[in-house]
Amino acid sequence: MRGLAKYYILLLAALGLSSASAQDHMYSQFFNSPVYLNPALNGQFKGDLRMNLIYRNQYTSIPGGLSYITASIDYNVPQFGGGIGMIFTRSAEGVGYLNKNNIAGIYSYSVGSEDYVLSFGLQAGVTNRSVDYSKLTFGDQLDPRLGYIPGSVTGADKPDFNNKFFFDSGAGINLTLKNFNIGGAAQHLNRPNESFTGAPAILPIRATVHASFRYNLTRDDNIDDEDRSYIIPSVVFYKQAQAQSVSAGMQYKRRSINAGVWYRSSGSGGPGALVVSLIFDLFINKEGGEKIRLGVSHDVPAGGLNYSNTSGTTEGSIGYETTLPSRSGGEHKFFGASRCYDFY
């Protein structure tokens, strides 16, 4: 019965994804995959080169579950306060091995002063969507008494195509104003058709709005910024077709440690969750701006699903920043202004 419950939960998850019209995934550690959250955050960091990798294993103990991975690399061009970059995202969903791979280039630019920074980002790339029909089970392969019969052959007609390539685009904007940061992004602006058959299957636009506030807990303003303690409450609103959710919570940040607690509402896209995250910054060469960031988070279902059957959702992330010896010196734009990376 326990095994049947797990398959039933997986079926519900798959049906939820289908009813959401190919709903995109969102990371609980959205701050550790900033380029996925908003292309306007591309090139926004202290060093010259940044690489990020994040992996999400959703409903860990369910066979044939949902897994996602995103890798990005971006280059900071201080002359225009933004940068250029690339992002790769792969998703694998369900026992039918419905896979989606996307690779895209990103360009970002910023305007502002010592008081504010307004950033813009553009993203364009190509997506491949594929399915392995041999992994699917049809009604004529099920026996009323015995259930699925291994090795049985179905008489169901399979579609002529099992993969689809299409162009995909996105854009974002972000404003940092002293201790306040707010941004928004939209993906799939061209609304591509990802259907395997002649019937259209339009990928709906994914809209994301995020906001953060940085509160200084340290009253002594004479100490360096790295020795101060901050509480950073944040909220992220996500909507795609009829699916939507809100993530709200806060981080405590001091020196190399960042700990957070979040709640994600169920909305109409699935069950809610309580999220705990922990991040460590390991400085290899602090004066040279070289560091590694390690992050881990865990989601506990808060209604709708049973934790004992799903084991929740786990994410792991790693990031690397460095400066390049070949980079010529010079004053960066918006010197002294708060930047988006100060909020994560």
C-alpha atoms as a PDB file:
ATOM      1  CA  MET A   1       0.000   0.000   0.000  1.00  0.00           C
ATOM      2  CA  ARG A   2       2.887   2.365   0.745  1.00  0.00           C
ATOM      3  CA  GLY A   3       4.293   1.793  -2.753  1.00  0.00           C
ATOM      4  CA  LEU A   4       0.890   2.382  -4.312  1.00  0.00           C
ATOM      5  CA  ALA A   5       0.588   5.632  -2.370  1.00  0.00           C
ATOM      6  CA  LYS A   6       3.889   6.849  -3.790  1.00  0.00           C
ATOM      7  CA  TYR A   7       2.803   6.131  -7.363  1.00  0.00           C
ATOM      8  CA  TYR A   8      -0.523   7.823  -6.678  1.00  0.00           C
ATOM      9  CA  ILE A   9       1.265  10.953  -5.450  1.00  0.00           C
ATOM     10  CA  LEU A  10       3.502  10.930  -8.529  1.00  0.00           C
ATOM     11  CA  LEU A  11       0.408  10.654 -10.726  1.00  0.00           C
ATOM     12  CA  LEU A  12      -1.138  13.645  -8.980  1.00  0.00           C
ATOM     13  CA  ALA A  13       2.064  15.624  -9.473  1.00  0.00           C
ATOM     14  CA  ALA A  14       2.147  14.762 -13.167  1.00  0.00           C
ATOM     15  CA  LEU A  15      -1.494  15.711 -13.581  1.00  0.00           C
ATOM     16  CA  GLY A  16      -0.794  18.973 -11.773  1.00  0.00           C
ATOM     17  CA  LEU A  17       1.994  19.780 -14.208  1.00  0.00           C
ATOM     18  CA  SER A  18      -0.231  18.930 -17.156  1.00  0.00           C
ATOM     19  CA  SER A  19      -3.096  21.089 -15.956  1.00  0.00           C
ATOM     20  CA  ALA A  20      -0.664  23.953 -15.431  1.00  0.00           C
ATOM     21  CA  SER A  21       0.130  23.977 -19.153  1.00  0.00           C
ATOM     22  CA  ALA A  22       3.774  22.912 -18.910  1.00  0.00           C
ATOM     23  CA  GLN A  23       4.471  24.873 -15.757  1.00  0.00           C
ATOM     24  CA  ASP A  24       8.120  25.851 -15.231  1.00  0.00           C
ATOM     25  CA  HIS A  25       9.876  24.946 -12.017  1.00  0.00           C
ATOM     26  CA  MET A  26      11.090  27.478  -9.456  1.00  0.00           C
ATOM     27  CA  TYR A  27      14.012  27.062  -7.086  1.00  0.00           C
ATOM     28  CA  SER A  28      13.639  27.482  -3.343  1.00  0.00           C
ATOM     29  CA  GLN A  29      17.177  28.922  -3.346  1.00  0.00           C
ATOM     30  CA  PHE A  30      16.222  31.555  -5.904  1.00  0.00           C
ATOM     31  CA  PHE A  31      19.022  33.807  -4.620  1.00  0.00           C
ATOM     32  CA  ASN A  32      21.608  31.134  -5.518  1.00  0.00           C
ATOM     33  CA  SER A  33      20.452  31.024  -9.129  1.00  0.00           C
ATOM     34  CA  PRO A  34      19.993  34.765  -9.764  1.00  0.00           C
ATOM     35  CA  VAL A  35      20.267  34.550 -13.560  1.00  0.00           C
ATOM     36  CA  TYR A  36      17.395  32.004 -13.672  1.00  0.00           C
ATOM     37  CA  LEU A  37      15.314  34.249 -11.418  1.00  0.00           C
ATOM     38  CA  ASN A  38      15.854  37.381 -13.510  1.00  0.00           C
ATOM     39  CA  PRO A  39      18.130  37.994 -16.538  1.00  0.00           C
ATOM     40  CA  ALA A  40      18.618  41.573 -15.299  1.00  0.00           C
ATOM     41  CA  LEU A  41      20.761  40.111 -12.476  1.00  0.00           C
ATOM     42  CA  ASN A  42      23.265  38.825 -15.048  1.00  0.00           C
ATOM     43  CA  GLY A  43      26.738  40.352 -14.576  1.00  0.00           C
ATOM     44  CA  GLN A  44      25.756  41.855 -11.223  1.00  0.00           C
ATOM     45  CA  PHE A  45      28.470  40.798  -8.761  1.00  0.00           C
ATOM     46  CA  LYS A  46      31.743  42.083  -7.318  1.00  0.00           C
ATOM     47  CA  GLY A  47      34.187  39.975  -9.325  1.00  0.00           C
ATOM     48  CA  ASP A  48      34.846  39.527 -13.032  1.00  0.00           C
ATOM     49  CA  LEU A  49      33.602  35.985 -13.648  1.00  0.00           C
ATOM     50  CA  ARG A  50      30.854  34.010 -11.903  1.00  0.00           C
ATOM     51  CA  MET A  51      29.659  30.431 -12.280  1.00  0.00           C
ATOM     52  CA  ASN A  52      26.583  28.946 -10.603  1.00  0.00           C
ATOM     53  CA  LEU A  53      25.181  25.423 -10.456  1.00  0.00           C
ATOM     54  CA  ILE A  54      21.961  24.400  -8.684  1.00  0.00           C
ATOM     55  CA  TYR A  55      20.156  21.047  -8.515  1.00  0.00           C
ATOM     56  CA  ARG A  56      16.614  20.364  -7.289  1.00  0.00           C
ATOM     57  CA  ASN A  57      15.279  16.886  -6.504  1.00  0.00           C
ATOM     58  CA  GLN A  58      11.549  17.214  -5.942  1.00  0.00           C
ATOM     59  CA  TYR A  59       9.702  14.570  -3.887  1.00  0.00           C
ATOM     60  CA  THR A  60      12.912  12.670  -3.190  1.00  0.00           C
ATOM     61  CA  SER A  61      11.522   9.225  -2.325  1.00  0.00           C
ATOM     62  CA  ILE A  62       9.016   8.925  -5.199  1.00  0.00           C
ATOM     63  CA  PRO A  63      10.212   6.702  -8.095  1.00  0.00           C
ATOM     64  CA  GLY A  64      10.546   8.554 -11.391  1.00  0.00           C
ATOM     65  CA  GLY A  65      10.195  11.920  -9.669  1.00  0.00           C
ATOM     66  CA  LEU A  66      11.032  15.435 -10.764  1.00  0.00           C
ATOM     67  CA  SER A  67      14.601  16.755 -11.032  1.00  0.00           C
ATOM     68  CA  TYR A  68      15.976  20.050 -12.306  1.00  0.00           C
ATOM     69  CA  ILE A  69      19.421  21.507 -12.854  1.00  0.00           C
ATOM     70  CA  THR A  70      20.591  24.957 -13.939  1.00  0.00           C
ATOM     71  CA  ALA A  71      24.135  26.046 -14.742  1.00  0.00           C
ATOM     72  CA  SER A  72      25.119  29.597 -15.629  1.00  0.00           C
ATOM     73  CA  ILE A  73      28.247  31.612 -16.324  1.00  0.00           C
ATOM     74  CA  ASP A  74      28.339  35.389 -16.575  1.00  0.00           C
ATOM     75  CA  TYR A  75      31.009  38.011 -17.116  1.00  0.00           C
ATOM     76  CA  ASN A  76      30.872  41.389 -15.402  1.00  0.00           C
ATOM     77  CA  VAL A  77      31.453  44.356 -17.722  1.00  0.00           C
ATOM     78  CA  PRO A  78      31.780  47.314 -15.312  1.00  0.00           C
ATOM     79  CA  GLN A  79      31.834  49.927 -18.072  1.00  0.00           C
ATOM     80  CA  PHE A  80      28.079  49.503 -18.545  1.00  0.00           C
ATOM     81  CA  GLY A  81      27.180  48.064 -15.154  1.00  0.00           C
ATOM     82  CA  GLY A  82      26.018  44.727 -16.508  1.00  0.00           C
ATOM     83  CA  GLY A  83      27.486  41.833 -18.424  1.00  0.00           C
ATOM     84  CA  ILE A  84      27.146  38.965 -20.831  1.00  0.00           C
ATOM     85  CA  GLY A  85      26.400  35.374 -19.905  1.00  0.00           C
ATOM     86  CA  MET A  86      24.980  31.973 -20.751  1.00  0.00           C
ATOM     87  CA  ILE A  87      22.517  29.728 -18.946  1.00  0.00           C
ATOM     88  CA  PHE A  88      21.663  26.038 -19.336  1.00  0.00           C
ATOM     89  CA  THR A  89      18.606  24.437 -17.740  1.00  0.00           C
ATOM     90  CA  ARG A  90      17.513  20.790 -17.816  1.00  0.00           C
ATOM     91  CA  SER A  91      14.363  19.261 -16.370  1.00  0.00           C
ATOM     92  CA  ALA A  92      13.387  15.577 -16.146  1.00  0.00           C
ATOM     93  CA  GLU A  93       9.815  14.855 -15.123  1.00  0.00           C
ATOM     94  CA  GLY A  94       8.071  11.570 -14.386  1.00  0.00           C
ATOM     95  CA  VAL A  95       8.543   7.925 -15.337  1.00  0.00           C
ATOM     96  CA  GLY A  96       7.890   8.839 -18.993  1.00  0.00           C
ATOM     97  CA  TYR A  97      11.181  10.750 -19.026  1.00  0.00           C
ATOM     98  CA  LEU A  98       9.746  14.008 -20.272  1.00  0.00           C
ATOM     99  CA  ASN A  99      12.918  16.043 -20.668  1.00  0.00           C
ATOM    100  CA  LYS A 100      13.474  19.684 -21.512  1.00  0.00           C
ATOM    101  CA  ASN A 101      16.843  21.310 -22.236  1.00  0.00           C
ATOM    102  CA  ASN A 102      17.358  25.018 -22.769  1.00  0.00           C
ATOM    103  CA  ILE A 103      20.503  27.006 -23.550  1.00  0.00           C
ATOM    104  CA  ALA A 104      20.429  30.767 -23.875  1.00  0.00           C
ATOM    105  CA  GLY A 105      22.619  33.842 -24.025  1.00  0.00           C
ATOM    106  CA  ILE A 106      22.010  36.851 -21.775  1.00  0.00           C
ATOM    107  CA  TYR A 107      22.901  40.542 -22.048  1.00  0.00           C
ATOM    108  CA  SER A 108      22.368  43.084 -19.271  1.00  0.00           C
ATOM    109  CA  TYR A 109      22.886  46.812 -18.869  1.00  0.00           C
ATOM    110  CA  SER A 110      22.458  49.268 -15.967  1.00  0.00           C
ATOM    111  CA  VAL A 111      21.859  52.973 -15.502  1.00  0.00           C
ATOM    112  CA  GLY A 112      21.915  54.913 -12.259  1.00  0.00           C
ATOM    113  CA  SER A 113      24.014  56.886  -9.798  1.00  0.00           C
ATOM    114  CA  GLU A 114      25.405  56.587  -6.288  1.00  0.00           C
ATOM    115  CA  ASP A 115      21.813  56.452  -5.012  1.00  0.00           C
ATOM    116  CA  TYR A 116      20.166  53.844  -7.248  1.00  0.00           C
ATOM    117  CA  VAL A 117      20.904  51.272  -9.950  1.00  0.00           C
ATOM    118  CA  LEU A 118      18.336  50.273 -12.594  1.00  0.00           C
ATOM    119  CA  SER A 119      19.257  47.151 -14.575  1.00  0.00           C
ATOM    120  CA  PHE A 120      17.811  45.600 -17.730  1.00  0.00           C
ATOM    121  CA  GLY A 121      18.349  42.086 -19.091  1.00  0.00           C
ATOM    122  CA  LEU A 122      17.561  40.280 -22.349  1.00  0.00           C
ATOM    123  CA  GLN A 123      17.665  36.504 -22.867  1.00  0.00           C
ATOM    124  CA  ALA A 124      17.390  34.448 -26.052  1.00  0.00           C
ATOM    125  CA  GLY A 125      18.076  30.793 -26.799  1.00  0.00           C
ATOM    126  CA  VAL A 126      16.770  27.454 -27.986  1.00  0.00           C
ATOM    127  CA  THR A 127      14.847  24.718 -26.154  1.00  0.00           C
ATOM    128  CA  ASN A 128      14.547  21.005 -26.909  1.00  0.00           C
ATOM    129  CA  ARG A 129      11.621  19.044 -25.454  1.00  0.00           C
ATOM    130  CA  SER A 130      11.563  15.239 -25.737  1.00  0.00           C
ATOM    131  CA  VAL A 131       9.729  12.210 -24.353  1.00  0.00           C
ATOM    132  CA  ASP A 132      10.618   8.516 -24.248  1.00  0.00           C
ATOM    133  CA  TYR A 133       7.387   6.753 -25.232  1.00  0.00           C
ATOM    134  CA  SER A 134       8.889   3.332 -24.412  1.00  0.00           C
ATOM    135  CA  LYS A 135       8.716   4.278 -20.725  1.00  0.00           C
ATOM    136  CA  LEU A 136       4.965   4.894 -20.782  1.00  0.00           C
ATOM    137  CA  THR A 137       2.340   2.331 -19.782  1.00  0.00           C
ATOM    138  CA  PHE A 138      -0.985   2.095 -21.648  1.00  0.00           C
ATOM    139  CA  GLY A 139      -4.318   0.531 -20.700  1.00  0.00           C
ATOM    140  CA  ASP A 140      -3.861  -2.639 -22.777  1.00  0.00           C
ATOM    141  CA  GLN A 141      -0.690  -3.452 -20.799  1.00  0.00           C
ATOM    142  CA  LEU A 142      -2.629  -3.690 -17.526  1.00  0.00           C
ATOM    143  CA  ASP A 143      -4.286  -6.837 -16.246  1.00  0.00           C
ATOM    144  CA  PRO A 144      -7.404  -6.293 -14.044  1.00  0.00           C
ATOM    145  CA  ARG A 145      -6.056  -8.757 -11.467  1.00  0.00           C
ATOM    146  CA  LEU A 146      -2.263  -8.615 -11.804  1.00  0.00           C
ATOM    147  CA  GLY A 147      -1.709  -4.998 -12.753  1.00  0.00           C
ATOM    148  CA  TYR A 148       1.159  -4.125 -15.109  1.00  0.00           C
ATOM    149  CA  ILE A 149       2.612  -7.087 -17.041  1.00  0.00           C
ATOM    150  CA  PRO A 150       6.353  -6.625 -17.648  1.00  0.00           C
ATOM    151  CA  GLY A 151       7.375  -7.085 -21.280  1.00  0.00           C
ATOM    152  CA  SER A 152       3.856  -6.617 -22.646  1.00  0.00           C
ATOM    153  CA  VAL A 153       3.435  -4.725 -25.912  1.00  0.00           C
ATOM    154  CA  THR A 154       0.867  -2.001 -26.405  1.00  0.00           C
ATOM    155  CA  GLY A 155      -1.263  -1.553 -29.483  1.00  0.00           C
ATOM    156  CA  ALA A 156      -1.570   2.200 -28.906  1.00  0.00           C
ATOM    157  CA  ASP A 157      -0.407   4.434 -31.743  1.00  0.00           C
ATOM    158  CA  LYS A 158       2.578   6.562 -30.828  1.00  0.00           C
ATOM    159  CA  PRO A 159       3.027  10.091 -32.198  1.00  0.00           C
ATOM    160  CA  ASP A 160       5.325  10.492 -35.181  1.00  0.00           C
ATOM    161  CA  PHE A 161       7.680  12.820 -33.270  1.00  0.00           C
ATOM    162  CA  ASN A 162       9.160  12.514 -29.816  1.00  0.00           C
ATOM    163  CA  ASN A 163      11.126  15.776 -29.680  1.00  0.00           C
ATOM    164  CA  LYS A 164      10.686  19.426 -30.548  1.00  0.00           C
ATOM    165  CA  PHE A 165      13.095  22.370 -30.924  1.00  0.00           C
ATOM    166  CA  PHE A 166      11.898  25.944 -30.550  1.00  0.00           C
ATOM    167  CA  PHE A 167      13.205  29.473 -30.009  1.00  0.00           C
ATOM    168  CA  ASP A 168      12.653  30.932 -26.540  1.00  0.00           C
ATOM    169  CA  SER A 169      13.133  34.455 -25.178  1.00  0.00           C
ATOM    170  CA  GLY A 170      12.884  36.435 -21.953  1.00  0.00           C
ATOM    171  CA  ALA A 171      13.548  39.828 -20.375  1.00  0.00           C
ATOM    172  CA  GLY A 172      13.885  41.349 -16.929  1.00  0.00           C
ATOM    173  CA  ILE A 173      14.295  44.573 -14.984  1.00  0.00           C
ATOM    174  CA  ASN A 174      15.679  45.249 -11.498  1.00  0.00           C
ATOM    175  CA  LEU A 175      15.915  48.348  -9.288  1.00  0.00           C
ATOM    176  CA  THR A 176      18.188  48.708  -6.270  1.00  0.00           C
ATOM    177  CA  LEU A 177      17.477  51.770  -4.135  1.00  0.00           C
ATOM    178  CA  LYS A 178      19.568  51.968  -0.959  1.00  0.00           C
ATOM    179  CA  ASN A 179      18.199  49.160   1.262  1.00  0.00           C
ATOM    180  CA  PHE A 180      15.412  48.121  -1.095  1.00  0.00           C
ATOM    181  CA  ASN A 181      15.572  45.843  -4.137  1.00  0.00           C
ATOM    182  CA  ILE A 182      12.723  44.996  -6.506  1.00  0.00           C
ATOM    183  CA  GLY A 183      12.649  43.287  -9.873  1.00  0.00           C
ATOM    184  CA  GLY A 184      10.494  41.499 -12.403  1.00  0.00           C
ATOM    185  CA  ALA A 185      11.045  39.084 -15.269  1.00  0.00           C
ATOM    186  CA  ALA A 186       9.055  37.404 -18.024  1.00  0.00           C
ATOM    187  CA  GLN A 187      10.077  34.213 -19.838  1.00  0.00           C
ATOM    188  CA  HIS A 188       8.672  32.632 -23.028  1.00  0.00           C
ATOM    189  CA  LEU A 189       7.782  36.065 -24.382  1.00  0.00           C
ATOM    190  CA  ASN A 190       7.390  34.637 -27.889  1.00  0.00           C
ATOM    191  CA  ARG A 191       4.980  31.966 -26.542  1.00  0.00           C
ATOM    192  CA  PRO A 192       6.540  29.022 -28.408  1.00  0.00           C
ATOM    193  CA  ASN A 193       4.592  25.968 -29.538  1.00  0.00           C
ATOM    194  CA  GLU A 194       6.112  22.905 -27.838  1.00  0.00           C
ATOM    195  CA  SER A 195       3.656  20.323 -29.203  1.00  0.00           C
ATOM    196  CA  PHE A 196       4.843  16.913 -30.461  1.00  0.00           C
ATOM    197  CA  THR A 197       1.752  16.632 -32.663  1.00  0.00           C
ATOM    198  CA  GLY A 198      -0.203  18.921 -34.978  1.00  0.00           C
ATOM    199  CA  ALA A 199      -2.376  20.182 -32.120  1.00  0.00           C
ATOM    200  CA  PRO A 200      -0.875  23.425 -30.723  1.00  0.00           C
ATOM    201  CA  ALA A 201       0.563  23.442 -27.201  1.00  0.00           C
ATOM    202  CA  ILE A 202       1.523  27.044 -26.462  1.00  0.00           C
ATOM    203  CA  LEU A 203       3.998  27.567 -23.625  1.00  0.00           C
ATOM    204  CA  PRO A 204       2.511  30.358 -21.485  1.00  0.00           C
ATOM    205  CA  ILE A 205       4.552  33.328 -20.287  1.00  0.00           C
ATOM    206  CA  ARG A 206       6.184  32.845 -16.888  1.00  0.00           C
ATOM    207  CA  ALA A 207       6.043  36.065 -14.859  1.00  0.00           C
ATOM    208  CA  THR A 208       8.146  36.586 -11.734  1.00  0.00           C
ATOM    209  CA  VAL A 209       8.220  39.553  -9.337  1.00  0.00           C
ATOM    210  CA  HIS A 210      10.668  39.672  -6.419  1.00  0.00           C
ATOM    211  CA  ALA A 211      11.382  42.213  -3.672  1.00  0.00           C
ATOM    212  CA  SER A 212      13.853  42.345  -0.758  1.00  0.00           C
ATOM    213  CA  PHE A 213      14.673  44.729   2.064  1.00  0.00           C
ATOM    214  CA  ARG A 214      17.996  44.788   3.908  1.00  0.00           C
ATOM    215  CA  TYR A 215      17.834  45.768   7.595  1.00  0.00           C
ATOM    216  CA  ASN A 216      21.077  46.467   9.426  1.00  0.00           C
ATOM    217  CA  LEU A 217      21.073  44.914  12.910  1.00  0.00           C
ATOM    218  CA  THR A 218      24.461  46.465  13.780  1.00  0.00           C
ATOM    219  CA  ARG A 219      24.112  49.947  15.249  1.00  0.00           C
ATOM    220  CA  ASP A 220      27.818  50.782  15.022  1.00  0.00           C
ATOM    221  CA  ASP A 221      28.318  52.375  11.598  1.00  0.00           C
ATOM    222  CA  ASN A 222      32.076  52.640  12.063  1.00  0.00           C
ATOM    223  CA  ILE A 223      32.729  48.951  11.383  1.00  0.00           C
ATOM    224  CA  ASP A 224      33.242  47.409   7.966  1.00  0.00           C
ATOM    225  CA  ASP A 225      30.204  46.158   6.072  1.00  0.00           C
ATOM    226  CA  GLU A 226      31.442  42.550   6.221  1.00  0.00           C
ATOM    227  CA  ASP A 227      31.307  42.646  10.039  1.00  0.00           C
ATOM    228  CA  ARG A 228      27.702  43.805  10.162  1.00  0.00           C
ATOM    229  CA  SER A 229      24.665  41.603  10.659  1.00  0.00           C
ATOM    230  CA  TYR A 230      21.593  41.855   8.444  1.00  0.00           C
ATOM    231  CA  ILE A 231      18.069  40.516   8.294  1.00  0.00           C
ATOM    232  CA  ILE A 232      16.815  40.396   4.719  1.00  0.00           C
ATOM    233  CA  PRO A 233      13.077  39.706   4.296  1.00  0.00           C
ATOM    234  CA  SER A 234      12.089  38.791   0.727  1.00  0.00           C
ATOM    235  CA  VAL A 235       9.029  37.853  -1.280  1.00  0.00           C
ATOM    236  CA  VAL A 236       8.806  36.198  -4.699  1.00  0.00           C
ATOM    237  CA  PHE A 237       5.575  36.029  -6.687  1.00  0.00           C
ATOM    238  CA  TYR A 238       5.345  33.554  -9.561  1.00  0.00           C
ATOM    239  CA  LYS A 239       2.584  33.139 -12.131  1.00  0.00           C
ATOM    240  CA  GLN A 240       2.305  31.034 -15.285  1.00  0.00           C
ATOM    241  CA  ALA A 241      -1.117  30.537 -16.865  1.00  0.00           C
ATOM    242  CA  GLN A 242      -3.379  29.381 -13.992  1.00  0.00           C
ATOM    243  CA  ALA A 243      -0.491  28.308 -11.741  1.00  0.00           C
ATOM    244  CA  GLN A 244       0.797  30.801  -9.216  1.00  0.00           C
ATOM    245  CA  SER A 245       2.544  30.855  -5.855  1.00  0.00           C
ATOM    246  CA  VAL A 246       4.155  33.234  -3.363  1.00  0.00           C
ATOM    247  CA  SER A 247       7.378  32.572  -1.445  1.00  0.00           C
ATOM    248  CA  ALA A 248       7.939  34.758   1.609  1.00  0.00           C
ATOM    249  CA  GLY A 249      10.580  34.604   4.308  1.00  0.00           C
ATOM    250  CA  MET A 250      13.842  36.063   5.519  1.00  0.00           C
ATOM    251  CA  GLN A 251      17.552  35.459   5.736  1.00  0.00           C
ATOM    252  CA  TYR A 252      20.018  36.222   8.511  1.00  0.00           C
ATOM    253  CA  LYS A 253      23.347  37.232   6.989  1.00  0.00           C
ATOM    254  CA  ARG A 254      26.646  37.781   8.795  1.00  0.00           C
ATOM    255  CA  ARG A 255      30.119  37.394   7.322  1.00  0.00           C
ATOM    256  CA  SER A 256      30.291  34.004   5.586  1.00  0.00           C
ATOM    257  CA  ILE A 257      27.026  32.541   6.873  1.00  0.00           C
ATOM    258  CA  ASN A 258      23.533  33.031   5.518  1.00  0.00           C
ATOM    259  CA  ALA A 259      20.548  31.173   7.028  1.00  0.00           C
ATOM    260  CA  GLY A 260      16.941  31.493   5.911  1.00  0.00           C
ATOM    261  CA  VAL A 261      13.393  30.302   6.568  1.00  0.00           C
ATOM    262  CA  TRP A 262      10.646  30.553   3.925  1.00  0.00           C
ATOM    263  CA  TYR A 263       7.054  29.615   3.310  1.00  0.00           C
ATOM    264  CA  ARG A 264       5.772  28.955  -0.201  1.00  0.00           C
ATOM    265  CA  SER A 265       2.015  29.147  -0.665  1.00  0.00           C
ATOM    266  CA  SER A 266       0.180  26.441  -2.547  1.00  0.00           C
ATOM    267  CA  GLY A 267      -1.707  28.839  -4.823  1.00  0.00           C
ATOM    268  CA  SER A 268      -3.227  26.922  -7.722  1.00  0.00           C
ATOM    269  CA  GLY A 269      -0.016  25.196  -8.779  1.00  0.00           C
ATOM    270  CA  GLY A 270       0.396  22.535  -6.101  1.00  0.00           C
ATOM    271  CA  PRO A 271       1.067  21.981  -2.383  1.00  0.00           C
ATOM    272  CA  GLY A 272       2.696  24.595  -0.170  1.00  0.00           C
ATOM    273  CA  ALA A 273       5.993  24.083   1.643  1.00  0.00           C
ATOM    274  CA  LEU A 274       8.138  25.251   4.531  1.00  0.00           C
ATOM    275  CA  VAL A 275      11.738  25.824   3.387  1.00  0.00           C
ATOM    276  CA  VAL A 276      14.955  25.990   5.412  1.00  0.00           C
ATOM    277  CA  SER A 277      18.193  27.126   3.733  1.00  0.00           C
ATOM    278  CA  LEU A 278      21.830  27.413   4.814  1.00  0.00           C
ATOM    279  CA  ILE A 279      24.661  29.024   2.820  1.00  0.00           C
ATOM    280  CA  PHE A 280      28.420  29.259   3.408  1.00  0.00           C
ATOM    281  CA  ASP A 281      30.857  31.571   1.609  1.00  0.00           C
ATOM    282  CA  LEU A 282      34.380  30.172   1.492  1.00  0.00           C
ATOM    283  CA  PHE A 283      36.948  32.820   0.553  1.00  0.00           C
ATOM    284  CA  ILE A 284      39.964  31.515  -1.342  1.00  0.00           C
ATOM    285  CA  ASN A 285      41.471  34.947  -1.943  1.00  0.00           C
ATOM    286  CA  LYS A 286      39.392  37.580  -0.200  1.00  0.00           C
ATOM    287  CA  GLU A 287      41.366  40.580  -1.467  1.00  0.00           C
ATOM    288  CA  GLY A 288      41.268  39.160  -4.994  1.00  0.00           C
ATOM    289  CA  GLY A 289      37.511  38.591  -4.839  1.00  0.00           C
ATOM    290  CA  GLU A 290      37.769  34.797  -5.199  1.00  0.00           C
ATOM    291  CA  LYS A 291      35.225  32.744  -3.302  1.00  0.00           C
ATOM    292  CA  ILE A 292      33.096  29.603  -3.379  1.00  0.00           C
ATOM    293  CA  ARG A 293      29.484  29.638  -2.188  1.00  0.00           C
ATOM    294  CA  LEU A 294      27.852  26.405  -0.986  1.00  0.00           C
ATOM    295  CA  GLY A 295      24.129  26.210  -0.356  1.00  0.00           C
ATOM    296  CA  VAL A 296      21.611  23.600   0.718  1.00  0.00           C
ATOM    297  CA  SER A 297      17.872  23.794   1.355  1.00  0.00           C
ATOM    298  CA  HIS A 298      15.034  21.430   2.152  1.00  0.00           C
ATOM    299  CA  ASP A 299      11.296  21.774   1.524  1.00  0.00           C
ATOM    300  CA  VAL A 300       8.767  20.158   3.847  1.00  0.00           C
ATOM    301  CA  PRO A 301       5.255  19.846   2.337  1.00  0.00           C
ATOM    302  CA  ALA A 302       2.749  21.986   4.208  1.00  0.00           C
ATOM    303  CA  GLY A 303      -0.572  20.462   3.250  1.00  0.00           C
ATOM    304  CA  GLY A 304      -1.705  18.382   0.292  1.00  0.00           C
ATOM    305  CA  LEU A 305       1.118  15.833   0.376  1.00  0.00           C
ATOM    306  CA  ASN A 306       2.429  13.525   3.089  1.00  0.00           C
ATOM    307  CA  TYR A 307       6.091  13.996   4.037  1.00  0.00           C
ATOM    308  CA  SER A 308       6.503  10.309   4.895  1.00  0.00           C
ATOM    309  CA  ASN A 309       5.626   9.395   1.300  1.00  0.00           C
ATOM    310  CA  THR A 310       7.548  12.135  -0.498  1.00  0.00           C
ATOM    311  CA  SER A 311      10.556  12.873   1.797  1.00  0.00           C
ATOM    312  CA  GLY A 312      10.177  16.504   0.756  1.00  0.00           C
ATOM    313  CA  THR A 313      12.380  18.321  -1.746  1.00  0.00           C
ATOM    314  CA  THR A 314      16.116  18.942  -1.516  1.00  0.00           C
ATOM    315  CA  GLU A 315      18.274  21.496  -3.317  1.00  0.00           C
ATOM    316  CA  GLY A 316      22.035  21.878  -3.471  1.00  0.00           C
ATOM    317  CA  SER A 317      23.980  24.724  -5.057  1.00  0.00           C
ATOM    318  CA  ILE A 318      27.554  25.804  -5.643  1.00  0.00           C
ATOM    319  CA  GLY A 319      28.846  29.119  -6.940  1.00  0.00           C
ATOM    320  CA  TYR A 320      32.279  30.454  -7.813  1.00  0.00           C
ATOM    321  CA  GLU A 321      33.428  34.050  -8.271  1.00  0.00           C
ATOM    322  CA  THR A 322      36.848  35.360  -9.198  1.00  0.00           C
ATOM    323  CA  THR A 323      38.701  38.307 -10.667  1.00  0.00           C
ATOM    324  CA  LEU A 324      40.830  37.982 -13.783  1.00  0.00           C
ATOM    325  CA  PRO A 325      44.494  39.071 -13.826  1.00  0.00           C
ATOM    326  CA  SER A 326      44.039  40.468 -17.339  1.00  0.00           C
ATOM    327  CA  ARG A 327      41.251  42.839 -16.260  1.00  0.00           C
ATOM    328  CA  SER A 328      42.510  46.423 -16.432  1.00  0.00           C
ATOM    329  CA  GLY A 329      41.923  48.595 -13.385  1.00  0.00           C
ATOM    330  CA  GLY A 330      39.457  51.405 -13.237  1.00  0.00           C
ATOM    331  CA  GLU A 331      36.539  52.681 -11.238  1.00  0.00           C
ATOM    332  CA  HIS A 332      33.324  50.718 -11.549  1.00  0.00           C
ATOM    333  CA  LYS A 333      30.106  52.503 -12.369  1.00  0.00           C
ATOM    334  CA  PHE A 334      27.779  53.482  -9.511  1.00  0.00           C
ATOM    335  CA  PHE A 335      30.617  53.402  -6.957  1.00  0.00           C
ATOM    336  CA  GLY A 336      29.176  53.409  -3.420  1.00  0.00           C
ATOM    337  CA  ALA A 337      25.639  52.488  -4.479  1.00  0.00           C
ATOM    338  CA  SER A 338      23.807  49.445  -3.114  1.00  0.00           C
ATOM    339  CA  ARG A 339      23.740  46.586  -5.611  1.00  0.00           C
ATOM    340  CA  CYS A 340      21.384  43.624  -6.019  1.00  0.00           C
ATOM    341  CA  TYR A 341      24.001  41.117  -4.798  1.00  0.00           C
ATOM    342  CA  ASP A 342      24.025  42.843  -1.390  1.00  0.00           C
ATOM    343  CA  PHE A 343      20.617  41.243  -0.785  1.00  0.00           C
ATOM    344  CA  TYR A 344      21.820  37.654  -1.104  1.00  0.00           C
END
